[in-house]
Each structure stands twice: as structure tokens, then as C-alpha cells.
N, C-alpha and C. Protein backbone atom coordinates (compact mmCIF):
# COMPACT_ATOMS: atom_id res chain seq x y z
N MET A 1 24.92 -1.60 -8.78
CA MET A 1 24.03 -2.41 -9.56
C MET A 1 23.49 -1.65 -10.77
N ILE A 2 23.14 -0.39 -10.55
CA ILE A 2 22.58 0.40 -11.64
C ILE A 2 23.60 0.56 -12.75
N ARG A 3 24.81 0.93 -12.38
CA ARG A 3 25.85 1.13 -13.39
C ARG A 3 26.10 -0.16 -14.16
N GLY A 4 26.17 -1.29 -13.47
CA GLY A 4 26.39 -2.57 -14.13
C GLY A 4 25.27 -2.91 -15.10
N ALA A 5 24.05 -2.65 -14.70
CA ALA A 5 22.91 -2.92 -15.58
C ALA A 5 22.98 -2.04 -16.83
N GLU A 6 23.29 -0.77 -16.63
CA GLU A 6 23.39 0.15 -17.77
C GLU A 6 24.53 -0.24 -18.70
N GLU A 7 25.67 -0.62 -18.12
CA GLU A 7 26.82 -1.01 -18.93
C GLU A 7 26.54 -2.27 -19.74
N ASN A 8 25.59 -3.06 -19.30
CA ASN A 8 25.23 -4.28 -20.02
C ASN A 8 24.02 -4.09 -20.91
N GLY A 9 23.69 -2.82 -21.20
CA GLY A 9 22.66 -2.52 -22.18
C GLY A 9 21.23 -2.51 -21.69
N HIS A 10 21.03 -2.55 -20.39
CA HIS A 10 19.67 -2.53 -19.85
C HIS A 10 19.18 -1.10 -19.66
N ASN A 11 17.91 -0.89 -19.92
CA ASN A 11 17.28 0.40 -19.67
C ASN A 11 16.94 0.47 -18.19
N VAL A 12 17.46 1.46 -17.49
CA VAL A 12 17.26 1.59 -16.05
C VAL A 12 16.40 2.81 -15.76
N VAL A 13 15.36 2.61 -14.98
CA VAL A 13 14.51 3.70 -14.52
C VAL A 13 14.62 3.72 -13.00
N LYS A 14 14.99 4.88 -12.46
CA LYS A 14 15.19 5.00 -11.02
C LYS A 14 14.17 5.98 -10.45
N HIS A 15 13.51 5.58 -9.37
CA HIS A 15 12.53 6.44 -8.71
C HIS A 15 12.91 6.59 -7.24
N TYR A 16 12.74 7.78 -6.71
CA TYR A 16 12.84 8.02 -5.28
C TYR A 16 11.41 8.17 -4.79
N ILE A 17 10.90 7.14 -4.17
CA ILE A 17 9.47 7.08 -3.84
C ILE A 17 9.03 8.24 -2.96
N GLY A 18 9.90 8.67 -2.07
CA GLY A 18 9.55 9.79 -1.19
C GLY A 18 9.30 11.08 -1.94
N ASP A 19 9.81 11.18 -3.16
CA ASP A 19 9.62 12.38 -3.98
C ASP A 19 8.38 12.28 -4.88
N LEU A 20 7.71 11.14 -4.87
CA LEU A 20 6.57 10.92 -5.75
C LEU A 20 5.26 11.23 -5.04
N ASP A 21 4.24 11.48 -5.84
CA ASP A 21 2.88 11.68 -5.33
C ASP A 21 2.13 10.36 -5.50
N VAL A 22 2.04 9.59 -4.41
CA VAL A 22 1.39 8.28 -4.46
C VAL A 22 0.31 8.25 -3.38
N HIS A 23 -0.93 8.11 -3.82
CA HIS A 23 -2.05 8.03 -2.88
C HIS A 23 -2.17 6.61 -2.34
N ALA A 24 -2.57 6.50 -1.10
CA ALA A 24 -2.78 5.19 -0.49
C ALA A 24 -4.02 4.52 -1.09
N CYS A 25 -3.94 3.21 -1.25
CA CYS A 25 -5.09 2.45 -1.74
C CYS A 25 -6.25 2.63 -0.78
N ARG A 26 -7.44 2.82 -1.35
CA ARG A 26 -8.62 2.97 -0.50
C ARG A 26 -9.54 1.75 -0.59
N ALA A 27 -9.04 0.68 -1.19
CA ALA A 27 -9.76 -0.59 -1.29
C ALA A 27 -11.14 -0.44 -1.93
N CYS A 28 -11.21 0.37 -2.98
CA CYS A 28 -12.49 0.60 -3.66
C CYS A 28 -12.88 -0.57 -4.56
N GLY A 29 -11.88 -1.39 -4.95
CA GLY A 29 -12.16 -2.57 -5.75
C GLY A 29 -12.20 -2.36 -7.25
N VAL A 30 -12.01 -1.14 -7.72
CA VAL A 30 -12.06 -0.87 -9.16
C VAL A 30 -11.01 -1.69 -9.90
N CYS A 31 -9.79 -1.75 -9.37
CA CYS A 31 -8.73 -2.50 -10.04
C CYS A 31 -9.02 -4.00 -10.06
N MET A 32 -9.76 -4.48 -9.09
CA MET A 32 -10.10 -5.91 -9.03
C MET A 32 -11.11 -6.30 -10.12
N SER A 33 -11.78 -5.30 -10.69
CA SER A 33 -12.74 -5.58 -11.76
C SER A 33 -12.11 -5.46 -13.14
N GLY A 34 -10.77 -5.38 -13.17
CA GLY A 34 -10.06 -5.32 -14.44
C GLY A 34 -9.85 -3.92 -14.99
N LYS A 35 -10.24 -2.92 -14.24
CA LYS A 35 -10.06 -1.54 -14.67
C LYS A 35 -8.82 -0.95 -14.00
N ASP A 36 -8.37 0.18 -14.52
CA ASP A 36 -7.22 0.86 -13.92
C ASP A 36 -7.61 1.52 -12.61
N CYS A 37 -6.61 1.72 -11.78
CA CYS A 37 -6.79 2.40 -10.49
C CYS A 37 -7.44 3.77 -10.70
N VAL A 38 -8.27 4.15 -9.75
CA VAL A 38 -8.94 5.45 -9.85
C VAL A 38 -7.97 6.60 -9.66
N PHE A 39 -6.84 6.35 -9.00
CA PHE A 39 -5.84 7.40 -8.80
C PHE A 39 -4.90 7.45 -10.00
N LYS A 40 -4.84 8.57 -10.66
CA LYS A 40 -3.92 8.76 -11.79
C LYS A 40 -2.74 9.60 -11.32
N ASP A 41 -2.05 9.09 -10.31
CA ASP A 41 -0.92 9.78 -9.70
C ASP A 41 0.37 9.10 -10.13
N ASP A 42 1.47 9.42 -9.46
CA ASP A 42 2.74 8.78 -9.78
C ASP A 42 2.70 7.28 -9.51
N GLY A 43 1.91 6.86 -8.54
CA GLY A 43 1.78 5.43 -8.26
C GLY A 43 1.22 4.67 -9.45
N PHE A 44 0.30 5.26 -10.16
CA PHE A 44 -0.27 4.66 -11.38
C PHE A 44 0.83 4.42 -12.40
N THR A 45 1.65 5.45 -12.62
CA THR A 45 2.73 5.35 -13.59
C THR A 45 3.77 4.31 -13.18
N VAL A 46 4.21 4.37 -11.94
CA VAL A 46 5.27 3.47 -11.47
C VAL A 46 4.80 2.02 -11.45
N THR A 47 3.59 1.76 -10.99
CA THR A 47 3.12 0.37 -10.95
C THR A 47 3.00 -0.21 -12.36
N HIS A 48 2.64 0.60 -13.33
CA HIS A 48 2.60 0.12 -14.72
C HIS A 48 4.01 -0.13 -15.25
N GLN A 49 4.97 0.72 -14.88
CA GLN A 49 6.36 0.48 -15.28
C GLN A 49 6.88 -0.83 -14.67
N ILE A 50 6.54 -1.08 -13.41
CA ILE A 50 6.98 -2.31 -12.75
C ILE A 50 6.37 -3.53 -13.45
N ALA A 51 5.10 -3.44 -13.80
CA ALA A 51 4.42 -4.56 -14.46
C ALA A 51 5.06 -4.89 -15.81
N GLU A 52 5.61 -3.89 -16.49
CA GLU A 52 6.22 -4.09 -17.80
C GLU A 52 7.71 -4.43 -17.71
N ALA A 53 8.30 -4.30 -16.54
CA ALA A 53 9.75 -4.47 -16.38
C ALA A 53 10.17 -5.93 -16.48
N GLU A 54 11.39 -6.13 -16.96
CA GLU A 54 11.98 -7.46 -17.00
C GLU A 54 12.58 -7.83 -15.65
N GLY A 55 12.85 -6.84 -14.83
CA GLY A 55 13.43 -7.06 -13.51
C GLY A 55 13.15 -5.87 -12.63
N LEU A 56 13.37 -6.06 -11.34
CA LEU A 56 13.10 -5.00 -10.38
C LEU A 56 14.09 -5.10 -9.23
N ILE A 57 14.70 -3.99 -8.89
CA ILE A 57 15.57 -3.90 -7.72
C ILE A 57 14.95 -2.85 -6.81
N VAL A 58 14.73 -3.21 -5.56
CA VAL A 58 14.16 -2.28 -4.59
C VAL A 58 15.17 -2.10 -3.47
N SER A 59 15.42 -0.86 -3.13
CA SER A 59 16.32 -0.53 -2.04
C SER A 59 15.58 0.42 -1.10
N THR A 60 15.63 0.14 0.18
CA THR A 60 14.91 0.97 1.14
C THR A 60 15.63 0.96 2.48
N PRO A 61 15.56 2.07 3.20
CA PRO A 61 16.04 2.01 4.58
C PRO A 61 15.07 1.15 5.40
N ILE A 62 15.54 0.66 6.51
CA ILE A 62 14.71 -0.14 7.40
C ILE A 62 14.47 0.66 8.67
N TYR A 63 13.20 0.90 8.96
CA TYR A 63 12.81 1.61 10.17
C TYR A 63 12.01 0.65 11.04
N PHE A 64 12.47 0.40 12.25
CA PHE A 64 11.77 -0.48 13.19
C PHE A 64 11.48 -1.85 12.57
N GLY A 65 12.45 -2.34 11.79
CA GLY A 65 12.33 -3.67 11.20
C GLY A 65 11.43 -3.76 9.98
N GLN A 66 11.02 -2.62 9.44
CA GLN A 66 10.10 -2.61 8.31
C GLN A 66 10.60 -1.68 7.21
N MET A 67 10.05 -1.86 6.01
CA MET A 67 10.31 -0.93 4.92
C MET A 67 9.66 0.42 5.24
N THR A 68 10.00 1.42 4.47
CA THR A 68 9.40 2.74 4.69
C THR A 68 7.91 2.72 4.36
N GLY A 69 7.19 3.62 4.98
CA GLY A 69 5.75 3.74 4.71
C GLY A 69 5.47 4.07 3.26
N ASP A 70 6.32 4.93 2.66
CA ASP A 70 6.13 5.29 1.25
C ASP A 70 6.20 4.07 0.35
N LEU A 71 7.16 3.18 0.61
CA LEU A 71 7.27 1.96 -0.20
C LEU A 71 6.07 1.05 0.03
N LYS A 72 5.63 0.92 1.25
CA LYS A 72 4.45 0.10 1.55
C LYS A 72 3.21 0.61 0.82
N VAL A 73 3.03 1.93 0.80
CA VAL A 73 1.89 2.52 0.09
C VAL A 73 1.95 2.17 -1.39
N LEU A 74 3.15 2.27 -1.99
CA LEU A 74 3.29 1.92 -3.41
C LEU A 74 3.01 0.44 -3.64
N LEU A 75 3.57 -0.43 -2.82
CA LEU A 75 3.36 -1.86 -3.01
C LEU A 75 1.90 -2.26 -2.82
N ASP A 76 1.19 -1.57 -1.95
CA ASP A 76 -0.24 -1.85 -1.78
C ASP A 76 -1.03 -1.55 -3.04
N ARG A 77 -0.49 -0.73 -3.90
CA ARG A 77 -1.16 -0.37 -5.15
C ARG A 77 -0.89 -1.38 -6.26
N MET A 78 -0.06 -2.36 -6.01
CA MET A 78 0.29 -3.34 -7.05
C MET A 78 -0.83 -4.32 -7.28
């Protein structure tokens, strides 16, 4: 999929979430008031990239019928 997207002129950004520094949401509510997340970690960067993206492909191993914990932590920050 990545190669096909690149060959068709799309800008592709690939992240390995397990290699990123992403703090778990602490439900402080700052983002709900229209401000940026208090954590300025890799999760901040990636969630902003996702918000600006025209498309998103997510690939994850499945453990016990669920996505990885690292992916869940990132998605909770959305």
C-alpha cells in the first residue's frame, strides 16, 4: 500500500508507534477546552499529522483480540 501511494504522488509518513514516546492521556481536560495537549511528546506530533492527513492507514498486530496497547494509548490522545 505504501509503495502504491508513493508511486501515485502521495506524501507518505510512516511511524512505528512502539518506537515513539507517547504518554497516556490523563484526562486533564485541557484539550477539551480548545487548547493543545499538555504533553509535547511524539503523540502530540503524530496526532496533529493525523488531523492534517487526507487519509490514514493503520496496521497493527492483534493480541488477545485487541490492538496493541501502544496504538490504544495514541488513539486515546486523538
